[in-house]
Each structure stands twice: as structure tokens, then as C-alpha cells.
Amino acid sequence: MPLPYDAAIFDLDGTLIDTEALCNTAGVAACAELGLNVGLDFFESLAGIHDAERVRLIAAHVGSAVDAQAFFDLWDRHCS
């Protein structure tokens, strides 16, 4: 049975839809919900960094430990 389409387009870098601004704002909101004072400029500087390193840099920036699982759960929730 043939498929109902001839091609698929994957937009993984924001070419078609710019989701980076939304995700950065969501990341700042997730940090705020955890009591971490992180500005948008700082969060934008974390683009392209591995998740574990991102959490380490946030912790260093705010001077306290970050619950990585809680942060990523909140970030995901704010992004959707």
C-alpha cells in the first residue's frame, strides 16, 4: 500500500518554526519556579550545551545546587 505522501520535512534547527525563543523563555520560567534567579540573556547563552553541563552552569551561576530532574520536568511542561 503506498504512503499518502512523497516526502517529509524535519525542522530540527528552527528554519521553519523558531521555537528557540519559546524554549528559552520556558527555561527561565522553570528556573524561577525552582527559586533560581536566571535571566533570559544567561539562559540563551546555554544554547547547544549538553543537558548535564547546562545544569552545572545554572548551578554555578546561581550559587546553589539544581535538581536536574525537577528542572527538566518543569522546562518540558513550560515548553508544551
Foldseek 3Di string as FASTA:
>chain_A
DDDPDDDDDDDPPCPPHNLPVQLLVQLCVLCVVVVQHDDSVRSSVCPPPDLVVSQVVSCVVRVHHDPSVSSVVSSVVSSD
